[in-house]
Amino acid sequence: MKKLTGPLTKAKIKQLRAGQVLSYDGILYTARDQAHKRMAAMINKKQELPFILKNQVIYYCGPNPALPGRVIGACGPTTSSRMDRFTPILLKAGLLGMVGKGERSKEVLSAIKKHKAVYFITHAGCGALISEYVKSKKFVGFGDLGPEAVFAFSVQDFPLMVAIDSEGDSIYD
């Protein structure tokens, strides 16, 4: 299994192919619908985001609170298509990777290809298992969004599959 270490670069992404299974070490920023909506609005207003998007990976996840002795509770992926209307602007701002579940729109597919980004999927329905790969978490921003606040997860051996590669090839075709 290929190991991918963050932060991402265009050179690293260029080597990835749709259907490839790999493990990821690095930072994943959690963000769901409301965080995406807010970030897109901030980009449009030229406001500073709570983290730098360039070369980063967003994990479409709203983590559950940690159980005693654990870093985080269940933290499985959410449906990626709910972020589709905000994804092109985040890619234009420098985001290089996304992790979620399910297909993406034609507009997102085009934006991934245009910006040479990548879309990964991870195991759905396995949030408790996935939490084992999260080694630490740090609050990043949008605390008023509750479970949709943005966190930085430091992950090790996080399981991923390339769903859409930088050339626009997709496992859904």
N, C-alpha and C. Protein backbone atom coordinates (compact mmCIF):
# COMPACT_ATOMS: atom_id res chain seq x y z
N MET A 1 0.85 -1.18 0.00
CA MET A 1 0.00 0.00 0.00
C MET A 1 0.90 1.24 0.00
N LYS A 2 0.56 2.18 -0.86
CA LYS A 2 1.33 3.42 -0.96
C LYS A 2 1.06 4.30 0.25
N LYS A 3 2.10 4.96 0.71
CA LYS A 3 2.00 5.91 1.82
C LYS A 3 2.06 7.32 1.23
N LEU A 4 1.13 8.17 1.64
CA LEU A 4 1.10 9.57 1.22
C LEU A 4 1.25 10.41 2.48
N THR A 5 2.17 11.36 2.44
CA THR A 5 2.42 12.22 3.58
C THR A 5 2.08 13.65 3.21
N GLY A 6 1.33 14.32 4.09
CA GLY A 6 0.95 15.70 3.87
C GLY A 6 2.03 16.64 4.38
N PRO A 7 1.98 17.90 3.96
CA PRO A 7 0.94 18.46 3.10
C PRO A 7 1.10 17.97 1.66
N LEU A 8 0.01 18.10 0.92
CA LEU A 8 0.01 17.67 -0.48
C LEU A 8 0.79 18.66 -1.33
N THR A 9 1.24 18.18 -2.45
CA THR A 9 1.83 19.02 -3.49
C THR A 9 1.26 18.54 -4.82
N LYS A 10 1.35 19.37 -5.82
CA LYS A 10 0.89 18.97 -7.15
C LYS A 10 1.68 17.77 -7.65
N ALA A 11 2.98 17.72 -7.33
CA ALA A 11 3.82 16.60 -7.77
C ALA A 11 3.35 15.29 -7.13
N LYS A 12 3.01 15.32 -5.84
CA LYS A 12 2.53 14.11 -5.17
C LYS A 12 1.19 13.67 -5.76
N ILE A 13 0.32 14.63 -5.99
CA ILE A 13 -1.02 14.32 -6.50
C ILE A 13 -0.95 13.77 -7.92
N LYS A 14 -0.04 14.29 -8.71
CA LYS A 14 0.09 13.86 -10.11
C LYS A 14 0.35 12.36 -10.22
N GLN A 15 0.96 11.76 -9.22
CA GLN A 15 1.30 10.33 -9.24
C GLN A 15 0.12 9.44 -8.85
N LEU A 16 -0.93 10.01 -8.30
CA LEU A 16 -2.06 9.22 -7.82
C LEU A 16 -3.02 8.90 -8.95
N ARG A 17 -3.63 7.72 -8.89
CA ARG A 17 -4.57 7.27 -9.91
C ARG A 17 -5.88 6.81 -9.27
N ALA A 18 -6.97 7.06 -9.97
CA ALA A 18 -8.29 6.64 -9.49
C ALA A 18 -8.27 5.15 -9.19
N GLY A 19 -8.81 4.78 -8.03
CA GLY A 19 -8.86 3.40 -7.60
C GLY A 19 -7.70 2.98 -6.72
N GLN A 20 -6.67 3.82 -6.64
CA GLN A 20 -5.50 3.48 -5.84
C GLN A 20 -5.83 3.58 -4.35
N VAL A 21 -5.41 2.58 -3.60
CA VAL A 21 -5.61 2.55 -2.15
C VAL A 21 -4.30 2.98 -1.49
N LEU A 22 -4.38 3.84 -0.49
CA LEU A 22 -3.19 4.32 0.18
C LEU A 22 -3.48 4.68 1.62
N SER A 23 -2.43 4.97 2.36
CA SER A 23 -2.59 5.45 3.73
C SER A 23 -1.97 6.84 3.79
N TYR A 24 -2.54 7.68 4.64
CA TYR A 24 -2.14 9.08 4.73
C TYR A 24 -1.65 9.41 6.12
N ASP A 25 -0.52 10.09 6.17
CA ASP A 25 0.01 10.66 7.41
C ASP A 25 0.04 12.18 7.22
N GLY A 26 -0.53 12.90 8.17
CA GLY A 26 -0.50 14.35 8.07
C GLY A 26 -1.71 14.96 8.74
N ILE A 27 -2.07 16.13 8.27
CA ILE A 27 -3.19 16.88 8.83
C ILE A 27 -4.40 16.77 7.90
N LEU A 28 -5.54 16.52 8.49
CA LEU A 28 -6.84 16.61 7.81
C LEU A 28 -7.64 17.67 8.57
N TYR A 29 -8.17 18.64 7.84
CA TYR A 29 -9.03 19.65 8.45
C TYR A 29 -10.48 19.20 8.29
N THR A 30 -11.20 19.10 9.40
CA THR A 30 -12.60 18.71 9.32
C THR A 30 -13.44 19.92 8.93
N ALA A 31 -14.39 19.71 8.04
CA ALA A 31 -15.31 20.79 7.66
C ALA A 31 -16.51 20.17 6.97
N ARG A 32 -17.68 20.64 7.37
CA ARG A 32 -18.92 20.18 6.76
C ARG A 32 -19.64 21.35 6.11
N ASP A 33 -20.92 21.19 5.87
CA ASP A 33 -21.72 22.13 5.10
C ASP A 33 -21.59 23.59 5.55
N GLN A 34 -21.87 23.84 6.82
CA GLN A 34 -21.89 25.23 7.29
C GLN A 34 -20.50 25.85 7.29
N ALA A 35 -19.49 25.08 7.61
CA ALA A 35 -18.12 25.59 7.56
C ALA A 35 -17.73 25.93 6.12
N HIS A 36 -18.14 25.09 5.18
CA HIS A 36 -17.86 25.37 3.77
C HIS A 36 -18.57 26.64 3.31
N LYS A 37 -19.80 26.78 3.70
CA LYS A 37 -20.55 27.98 3.33
C LYS A 37 -19.86 29.23 3.86
N ARG A 38 -19.42 29.17 5.10
CA ARG A 38 -18.75 30.32 5.71
C ARG A 38 -17.41 30.59 5.05
N MET A 39 -16.63 29.53 4.78
CA MET A 39 -15.33 29.73 4.14
C MET A 39 -15.48 30.33 2.75
N ALA A 40 -16.45 29.85 1.98
CA ALA A 40 -16.68 30.40 0.64
C ALA A 40 -17.04 31.88 0.72
N ALA A 41 -17.88 32.25 1.67
CA ALA A 41 -18.26 33.66 1.85
C ALA A 41 -17.03 34.49 2.24
N MET A 42 -16.20 33.97 3.11
CA MET A 42 -15.00 34.68 3.53
C MET A 42 -14.03 34.86 2.37
N ILE A 43 -13.88 33.84 1.53
CA ILE A 43 -13.01 33.95 0.36
C ILE A 43 -13.55 35.03 -0.57
N ASN A 44 -14.85 35.03 -0.80
CA ASN A 44 -15.45 36.04 -1.67
C ASN A 44 -15.26 37.45 -1.14
N LYS A 45 -15.22 37.60 0.19
CA LYS A 45 -15.03 38.92 0.83
C LYS A 45 -13.56 39.22 1.08
N LYS A 46 -12.67 38.30 0.63
CA LYS A 46 -11.23 38.44 0.80
C LYS A 46 -10.84 38.52 2.28
N GLN A 47 -11.54 37.76 3.12
CA GLN A 47 -11.23 37.68 4.54
C GLN A 47 -10.32 36.49 4.80
N GLU A 48 -9.56 36.57 5.88
CA GLU A 48 -8.65 35.50 6.25
C GLU A 48 -9.42 34.33 6.85
N LEU A 49 -9.10 33.13 6.39
CA LEU A 49 -9.72 31.91 6.91
C LEU A 49 -9.01 31.48 8.19
N PRO A 50 -9.63 30.61 8.98
CA PRO A 50 -8.98 30.15 10.21
C PRO A 50 -7.78 29.22 9.97
N PHE A 51 -7.59 28.77 8.75
CA PHE A 51 -6.40 28.01 8.38
C PHE A 51 -6.11 28.27 6.91
N ILE A 52 -4.86 28.07 6.53
CA ILE A 52 -4.45 28.29 5.14
C ILE A 52 -4.85 27.09 4.32
N LEU A 53 -5.63 27.31 3.26
CA LEU A 53 -6.12 26.22 2.40
C LEU A 53 -5.03 25.62 1.52
N LYS A 54 -4.07 26.42 1.13
CA LYS A 54 -3.07 25.98 0.15
C LYS A 54 -2.44 24.65 0.55
N ASN A 55 -2.53 23.69 -0.36
CA ASN A 55 -1.92 22.36 -0.24
C ASN A 55 -2.53 21.49 0.86
N GLN A 56 -3.67 21.84 1.37
CA GLN A 56 -4.26 21.10 2.48
C GLN A 56 -5.34 20.13 2.01
N VAL A 57 -5.80 19.32 2.97
CA VAL A 57 -6.85 18.33 2.74
C VAL A 57 -7.99 18.61 3.72
N ILE A 58 -9.20 18.69 3.20
CA ILE A 58 -10.38 18.82 4.04
C ILE A 58 -11.08 17.46 4.11
N TYR A 59 -11.41 17.07 5.33
CA TYR A 59 -12.13 15.83 5.59
C TYR A 59 -13.57 16.21 5.92
N TYR A 60 -14.51 15.75 5.10
CA TYR A 60 -15.92 16.04 5.30
C TYR A 60 -16.42 15.21 6.48
N CYS A 61 -16.30 15.78 7.67
CA CYS A 61 -16.56 15.03 8.89
C CYS A 61 -17.00 15.98 9.98
N GLY A 62 -17.95 15.55 10.78
CA GLY A 62 -18.35 16.24 12.00
C GLY A 62 -18.09 15.27 13.14
N PRO A 63 -16.93 15.35 13.77
CA PRO A 63 -16.55 14.34 14.76
C PRO A 63 -17.42 14.35 16.01
N ASN A 64 -17.59 13.17 16.57
CA ASN A 64 -18.29 13.03 17.84
C ASN A 64 -17.32 13.30 18.99
N PRO A 65 -17.85 13.70 20.14
CA PRO A 65 -16.96 13.94 21.29
C PRO A 65 -16.17 12.69 21.66
N ALA A 66 -15.01 12.92 22.23
CA ALA A 66 -14.13 11.81 22.62
C ALA A 66 -14.70 11.05 23.80
N LEU A 67 -14.52 9.76 23.77
CA LEU A 67 -14.81 8.92 24.92
C LEU A 67 -13.62 9.02 25.87
N PRO A 68 -13.79 8.68 27.14
CA PRO A 68 -12.66 8.75 28.09
C PRO A 68 -11.45 7.98 27.56
N GLY A 69 -10.30 8.65 27.62
CA GLY A 69 -9.06 8.03 27.18
C GLY A 69 -8.83 8.02 25.69
N ARG A 70 -9.70 8.64 24.93
CA ARG A 70 -9.59 8.67 23.46
C ARG A 70 -9.37 10.10 22.97
N VAL A 71 -8.79 10.23 21.79
CA VAL A 71 -8.57 11.53 21.17
C VAL A 71 -9.89 12.09 20.64
N ILE A 72 -10.69 11.23 20.05
CA ILE A 72 -11.92 11.64 19.37
C ILE A 72 -12.91 10.49 19.40
N GLY A 73 -14.19 10.81 19.27
CA GLY A 73 -15.20 9.78 19.11
C GLY A 73 -15.28 9.38 17.65
N ALA A 74 -16.38 8.76 17.29
CA ALA A 74 -16.57 8.35 15.89
C ALA A 74 -16.40 9.56 14.97
N CYS A 75 -15.74 9.32 13.85
CA CYS A 75 -15.47 10.44 12.93
C CYS A 75 -15.46 9.95 11.48
N GLY A 76 -16.56 9.36 11.09
CA GLY A 76 -16.67 8.87 9.72
C GLY A 76 -16.98 9.98 8.74
N PRO A 77 -16.84 9.69 7.44
CA PRO A 77 -17.08 10.70 6.41
C PRO A 77 -18.56 10.98 6.22
N THR A 78 -18.85 12.20 5.79
CA THR A 78 -20.21 12.55 5.43
C THR A 78 -20.30 12.65 3.90
N THR A 79 -21.51 12.74 3.40
CA THR A 79 -21.75 12.75 1.96
C THR A 79 -21.14 13.99 1.32
N SER A 80 -20.22 13.77 0.41
CA SER A 80 -19.43 14.83 -0.19
C SER A 80 -20.24 15.77 -1.07
N SER A 81 -21.26 15.26 -1.72
CA SER A 81 -22.02 16.10 -2.68
C SER A 81 -22.65 17.32 -2.00
N ARG A 82 -22.84 17.26 -0.69
CA ARG A 82 -23.41 18.42 0.00
C ARG A 82 -22.45 19.61 -0.01
N MET A 83 -21.17 19.37 -0.24
CA MET A 83 -20.18 20.45 -0.29
C MET A 83 -19.92 20.92 -1.72
N ASP A 84 -20.55 20.29 -2.70
CA ASP A 84 -20.23 20.55 -4.10
C ASP A 84 -20.38 22.01 -4.51
N ARG A 85 -21.38 22.70 -4.02
CA ARG A 85 -21.56 24.09 -4.47
C ARG A 85 -20.46 25.01 -3.96
N PHE A 86 -19.72 24.60 -2.92
CA PHE A 86 -18.65 25.42 -2.37
C PHE A 86 -17.26 24.96 -2.81
N THR A 87 -17.16 23.75 -3.32
CA THR A 87 -15.85 23.16 -3.60
C THR A 87 -15.04 23.91 -4.65
N PRO A 88 -15.60 24.34 -5.79
CA PRO A 88 -14.77 25.02 -6.78
C PRO A 88 -14.04 26.26 -6.24
N ILE A 89 -14.70 27.04 -5.40
CA ILE A 89 -14.04 28.25 -4.87
C ILE A 89 -12.91 27.89 -3.90
N LEU A 90 -13.09 26.80 -3.13
CA LEU A 90 -12.03 26.37 -2.23
C LEU A 90 -10.84 25.81 -3.00
N LEU A 91 -11.10 25.09 -4.07
CA LEU A 91 -10.02 24.59 -4.92
C LEU A 91 -9.26 25.75 -5.56
N LYS A 92 -9.98 26.74 -6.02
CA LYS A 92 -9.35 27.91 -6.62
C LYS A 92 -8.46 28.63 -5.60
N ALA A 93 -8.86 28.58 -4.33
CA ALA A 93 -8.09 29.23 -3.26
C ALA A 93 -6.89 28.39 -2.79
N GLY A 94 -6.70 27.19 -3.36
CA GLY A 94 -5.51 26.43 -3.06
C GLY A 94 -5.70 25.07 -2.42
N LEU A 95 -6.93 24.73 -2.04
CA LEU A 95 -7.19 23.41 -1.49
C LEU A 95 -6.78 22.35 -2.51
N LEU A 96 -6.09 21.30 -2.07
CA LEU A 96 -5.64 20.27 -3.01
C LEU A 96 -6.32 18.92 -2.82
N GLY A 97 -6.89 18.67 -1.64
CA GLY A 97 -7.48 17.36 -1.42
C GLY A 97 -8.74 17.42 -0.58
N MET A 98 -9.62 16.46 -0.84
CA MET A 98 -10.86 16.33 -0.08
C MET A 98 -11.07 14.86 0.22
N VAL A 99 -11.65 14.58 1.39
CA VAL A 99 -11.97 13.21 1.79
C VAL A 99 -13.42 13.16 2.19
N GLY A 100 -14.16 12.21 1.64
CA GLY A 100 -15.56 12.06 2.00
C GLY A 100 -16.07 10.72 1.55
N LYS A 101 -17.35 10.73 1.15
CA LYS A 101 -17.95 9.52 0.59
C LYS A 101 -18.90 9.92 -0.51
N GLY A 102 -18.99 9.09 -1.53
CA GLY A 102 -19.95 9.30 -2.60
C GLY A 102 -19.42 10.10 -3.78
N GLU A 103 -20.26 10.14 -4.81
CA GLU A 103 -19.91 10.81 -6.06
C GLU A 103 -19.89 12.32 -5.92
N ARG A 104 -19.28 12.97 -6.91
CA ARG A 104 -19.22 14.43 -6.97
C ARG A 104 -19.90 14.89 -8.25
N SER A 105 -20.28 16.17 -8.27
CA SER A 105 -20.95 16.74 -9.43
C SER A 105 -19.98 16.92 -10.59
N LYS A 106 -20.54 17.15 -11.77
CA LYS A 106 -19.71 17.43 -12.95
C LYS A 106 -18.88 18.69 -12.76
N GLU A 107 -19.46 19.69 -12.06
CA GLU A 107 -18.74 20.94 -11.80
C GLU A 107 -17.52 20.70 -10.92
N VAL A 108 -17.68 19.87 -9.90
CA VAL A 108 -16.55 19.56 -9.02
C VAL A 108 -15.52 18.74 -9.78
N LEU A 109 -15.94 17.78 -10.57
CA LEU A 109 -15.02 16.99 -11.38
C LEU A 109 -14.18 17.91 -12.27
N SER A 110 -14.82 18.87 -12.91
CA SER A 110 -14.10 19.83 -13.76
C SER A 110 -13.12 20.68 -12.94
N ALA A 111 -13.55 21.11 -11.76
CA ALA A 111 -12.69 21.93 -10.91
C ALA A 111 -11.49 21.14 -10.40
N ILE A 112 -11.70 19.86 -10.06
CA ILE A 112 -10.59 19.01 -9.63
C ILE A 112 -9.57 18.91 -10.76
N LYS A 113 -10.04 18.67 -11.95
CA LYS A 113 -9.16 18.55 -13.12
C LYS A 113 -8.43 19.88 -13.40
N LYS A 114 -9.18 20.97 -13.37
CA LYS A 114 -8.61 22.30 -13.65
C LYS A 114 -7.52 22.67 -12.66
N HIS A 115 -7.75 22.40 -11.37
CA HIS A 115 -6.81 22.81 -10.32
C HIS A 115 -5.84 21.70 -9.93
N LYS A 116 -5.91 20.56 -10.63
CA LYS A 116 -5.00 19.43 -10.39
C LYS A 116 -5.05 19.01 -8.92
N ALA A 117 -6.26 18.83 -8.43
CA ALA A 117 -6.51 18.41 -7.05
C ALA A 117 -6.86 16.92 -7.04
N VAL A 118 -7.32 16.43 -5.90
CA VAL A 118 -7.67 15.01 -5.78
C VAL A 118 -8.82 14.87 -4.78
N TYR A 119 -9.68 13.89 -5.05
CA TYR A 119 -10.78 13.56 -4.15
C TYR A 119 -10.60 12.12 -3.70
N PHE A 120 -10.54 11.96 -2.38
CA PHE A 120 -10.40 10.65 -1.77
C PHE A 120 -11.72 10.24 -1.12
N ILE A 121 -11.91 8.94 -1.00
CA ILE A 121 -12.99 8.42 -0.16
C ILE A 121 -12.34 7.58 0.93
N THR A 122 -13.11 7.39 1.99
CA THR A 122 -12.67 6.50 3.07
C THR A 122 -13.86 5.68 3.51
N HIS A 123 -13.62 4.76 4.39
CA HIS A 123 -14.65 3.80 4.80
C HIS A 123 -15.86 4.49 5.43
N ALA A 124 -17.01 4.31 4.83
CA ALA A 124 -18.25 4.85 5.38
C ALA A 124 -18.83 3.83 6.36
N GLY A 125 -19.49 4.33 7.37
CA GLY A 125 -20.11 3.43 8.35
C GLY A 125 -19.13 2.85 9.35
N CYS A 126 -17.92 3.36 9.34
CA CYS A 126 -16.87 2.84 10.23
C CYS A 126 -16.25 3.95 11.06
N GLY A 127 -17.06 4.91 11.50
CA GLY A 127 -16.55 6.07 12.22
C GLY A 127 -15.75 5.74 13.46
N ALA A 128 -16.18 4.72 14.21
CA ALA A 128 -15.43 4.34 15.42
C ALA A 128 -14.07 3.78 15.04
N LEU A 129 -14.02 2.96 14.00
CA LEU A 129 -12.74 2.41 13.54
C LEU A 129 -11.83 3.52 13.03
N ILE A 130 -12.35 4.42 12.24
CA ILE A 130 -11.54 5.49 11.66
C ILE A 130 -10.94 6.37 12.75
N SER A 131 -11.65 6.53 13.87
CA SER A 131 -11.13 7.37 14.95
C SER A 131 -9.79 6.86 15.48
N GLU A 132 -9.50 5.59 15.29
CA GLU A 132 -8.24 5.01 15.76
C GLU A 132 -7.02 5.60 15.03
N TYR A 133 -7.22 6.15 13.84
CA TYR A 133 -6.13 6.72 13.07
C TYR A 133 -5.84 8.17 13.44
N VAL A 134 -6.71 8.78 14.24
CA VAL A 134 -6.54 10.18 14.65
C VAL A 134 -5.67 10.19 15.90
N LYS A 135 -4.49 10.78 15.79
CA LYS A 135 -3.53 10.77 16.89
C LYS A 135 -3.65 12.01 17.77
N SER A 136 -4.14 13.12 17.21
CA SER A 136 -4.40 14.32 18.00
C SER A 136 -5.39 15.19 17.24
N LYS A 137 -6.03 16.08 17.96
CA LYS A 137 -6.94 17.03 17.32
C LYS A 137 -6.74 18.39 17.96
N LYS A 138 -6.96 19.41 17.15
CA LYS A 138 -6.81 20.78 17.61
C LYS A 138 -7.96 21.60 17.06
N PHE A 139 -8.60 22.39 17.90
CA PHE A 139 -9.65 23.29 17.43
C PHE A 139 -9.03 24.34 16.52
N VAL A 140 -9.69 24.62 15.39
CA VAL A 140 -9.18 25.58 14.42
C VAL A 140 -10.09 26.80 14.30
N GLY A 141 -11.40 26.60 14.25
CA GLY A 141 -12.28 27.76 14.10
C GLY A 141 -13.74 27.41 13.97
N PHE A 142 -14.57 28.45 13.97
CA PHE A 142 -16.02 28.37 13.81
C PHE A 142 -16.67 27.58 14.95
N GLY A 143 -16.24 27.86 16.17
CA GLY A 143 -16.78 27.17 17.34
C GLY A 143 -18.28 27.29 17.49
N ASP A 144 -18.84 28.38 16.98
CA ASP A 144 -20.29 28.57 17.06
C ASP A 144 -21.06 27.55 16.23
N LEU A 145 -20.37 26.81 15.38
CA LEU A 145 -21.03 25.80 14.56
C LEU A 145 -21.16 24.45 15.27
N GLY A 146 -20.72 24.40 16.52
CA GLY A 146 -20.86 23.16 17.30
C GLY A 146 -20.16 22.00 16.63
N PRO A 147 -20.90 20.91 16.33
CA PRO A 147 -20.26 19.73 15.73
C PRO A 147 -19.70 19.99 14.32
N GLU A 148 -20.06 21.13 13.73
CA GLU A 148 -19.53 21.46 12.41
C GLU A 148 -18.35 22.42 12.48
N ALA A 149 -17.82 22.66 13.70
CA ALA A 149 -16.62 23.48 13.84
C ALA A 149 -15.47 22.81 13.09
N VAL A 150 -14.44 23.58 12.81
CA VAL A 150 -13.29 23.06 12.09
C VAL A 150 -12.21 22.64 13.09
N PHE A 151 -11.70 21.42 12.90
CA PHE A 151 -10.61 20.89 13.70
C PHE A 151 -9.50 20.45 12.77
N ALA A 152 -8.28 20.42 13.30
CA ALA A 152 -7.15 19.82 12.59
C ALA A 152 -6.87 18.48 13.24
N PHE A 153 -7.02 17.43 12.48
CA PHE A 153 -6.68 16.08 12.94
C PHE A 153 -5.28 15.76 12.45
N SER A 154 -4.43 15.32 13.35
CA SER A 154 -3.17 14.73 12.95
C SER A 154 -3.42 13.23 12.85
N VAL A 155 -3.25 12.69 11.65
CA VAL A 155 -3.59 11.28 11.42
C VAL A 155 -2.36 10.48 11.00
N GLN A 156 -2.43 9.20 11.29
CA GLN A 156 -1.36 8.28 10.88
C GLN A 156 -2.00 7.03 10.28
N ASP A 157 -1.54 6.65 9.11
CA ASP A 157 -2.04 5.48 8.39
C ASP A 157 -3.54 5.57 8.10
N PHE A 158 -4.04 6.77 7.89
CA PHE A 158 -5.46 6.98 7.61
C PHE A 158 -5.80 6.35 6.26
N PRO A 159 -6.79 5.45 6.22
CA PRO A 159 -7.09 4.71 4.98
C PRO A 159 -7.85 5.57 3.96
N LEU A 160 -7.32 5.61 2.75
CA LEU A 160 -7.93 6.38 1.66
C LEU A 160 -7.94 5.58 0.37
N MET A 161 -8.88 5.95 -0.50
CA MET A 161 -8.85 5.48 -1.88
C MET A 161 -9.01 6.72 -2.76
N VAL A 162 -8.25 6.79 -3.83
CA VAL A 162 -8.38 7.89 -4.78
C VAL A 162 -9.66 7.64 -5.57
N ALA A 163 -10.63 8.53 -5.39
CA ALA A 163 -11.90 8.40 -6.11
C ALA A 163 -11.87 9.19 -7.42
N ILE A 164 -11.26 10.38 -7.38
CA ILE A 164 -11.10 11.19 -8.59
C ILE A 164 -9.67 11.71 -8.57
N ASP A 165 -8.90 11.38 -9.59
CA ASP A 165 -7.52 11.83 -9.63
C ASP A 165 -7.40 13.18 -10.33
N SER A 166 -6.19 13.72 -10.36
CA SER A 166 -5.97 15.06 -10.89
C SER A 166 -6.21 15.18 -12.39
N GLU A 167 -6.32 14.06 -13.07
CA GLU A 167 -6.64 14.07 -14.50
C GLU A 167 -8.14 13.99 -14.74
N GLY A 168 -8.90 13.85 -13.66
CA GLY A 168 -10.35 13.74 -13.78
C GLY A 168 -10.86 12.33 -13.94
N ASP A 169 -9.97 11.34 -13.87
CA ASP A 169 -10.42 9.95 -13.93
C ASP A 169 -11.11 9.61 -12.61
N SER A 170 -12.20 8.87 -12.69
CA SER A 170 -13.04 8.64 -11.53
C SER A 170 -13.41 7.17 -11.39
N ILE A 171 -13.47 6.69 -10.17
CA ILE A 171 -13.92 5.32 -9.93
C ILE A 171 -15.42 5.19 -10.21
N TYR A 172 -16.11 6.30 -10.33
CA TYR A 172 -17.56 6.27 -10.54
C TYR A 172 -17.93 6.19 -12.03
N ASP A 173 -16.93 6.27 -12.91
CA ASP A 173 -17.21 6.16 -14.36
C ASP A 173 -17.45 4.72 -14.74
